[in-house]
Protein backbone atom coordinates (compact mmCIF):
# COMPACT_ATOMS: atom_id res chain seq x y z
CA UNK A 1 97.40 74.02 92.43
CA UNK A 2 95.26 71.83 94.59
CA UNK A 3 91.63 72.35 95.62
CA UNK A 4 92.67 73.89 98.97
CA UNK A 5 94.71 76.55 97.21
CA UNK A 6 91.91 77.20 94.75
CA UNK A 7 89.47 77.68 97.65
CA UNK A 8 91.75 80.23 99.33
CA UNK A 9 92.27 82.12 96.07
CA UNK A 10 88.53 82.20 95.41
CA UNK A 11 87.93 83.68 98.87
CA UNK A 12 90.78 86.19 98.48
CA UNK A 13 89.22 87.53 95.28
CA UNK A 14 86.34 88.84 97.42
CA UNK A 15 88.59 90.97 99.65
CA UNK A 16 87.85 94.64 99.06
CA UNK A 17 90.75 96.12 101.04
CA UNK A 18 93.91 94.56 99.62
CA UNK A 19 96.03 96.00 102.45
CA UNK A 20 95.45 92.96 104.64
CA UNK A 21 96.99 89.75 105.91
CA UNK A 22 95.40 86.36 105.33
CA UNK A 23 96.17 83.60 107.85
CA UNK A 24 95.65 79.89 107.19
CA UNK A 25 96.62 76.54 108.68
CA UNK A 26 99.00 73.92 107.33
CA UNK A 27 96.34 72.18 105.24
CA UNK A 28 96.08 75.21 102.93
CA UNK A 29 99.62 76.59 103.13
CA UNK A 30 101.96 76.28 100.16
CA UNK A 31 104.90 78.48 99.24
CA UNK A 32 103.51 78.75 95.72
CA UNK A 33 100.22 80.17 97.02
CA UNK A 34 101.92 82.63 99.39
CA UNK A 35 104.01 83.94 96.51
CA UNK A 36 101.00 84.11 94.18
CA UNK A 37 98.87 86.03 96.69
CA UNK A 38 101.63 88.59 97.14
CA UNK A 39 102.48 89.02 93.48
CA UNK A 40 98.99 88.88 91.97
CA UNK A 41 96.80 90.42 94.66
CA UNK A 42 99.21 92.34 96.89
CA UNK A 43 97.93 90.32 99.84
CA UNK A 44 100.32 89.35 102.62
CA UNK A 45 99.76 85.89 104.04
CA UNK A 46 101.00 83.74 106.87
CA UNK A 47 100.54 80.05 107.52
CA UNK A 48 102.19 77.05 109.09
CA UNK A 49 103.69 74.49 106.76
CA UNK A 50 104.18 70.76 107.06
CA UNK A 51 107.76 69.52 106.85
CA UNK A 52 106.64 66.47 104.87
CA UNK A 53 105.36 68.54 101.93
CA UNK A 54 107.38 67.84 98.81
CA UNK A 55 107.80 71.54 97.94
CA UNK A 56 109.40 72.42 101.28
CA UNK A 57 111.98 69.63 101.00
CA UNK A 58 113.39 71.10 97.81
CA UNK A 59 113.90 74.48 99.50
CA UNK A 60 114.81 73.49 103.06
CA UNK A 61 116.06 69.90 103.37
CA UNK A 62 115.09 68.37 106.71
């Protein structure tokens, strides 16, 4: 995980009410992080994603 993902995860650890949605822009968005937030913290998240990210090309070829 990159430093952007680590920053988001560090901030999400401070959330008291886990029944929430975290929104972020395409700089921080990764499918790995969205999955991790849901599985590990029970936090729903939403963000835009860049089509030139290497992880998105393996799931949804452009």
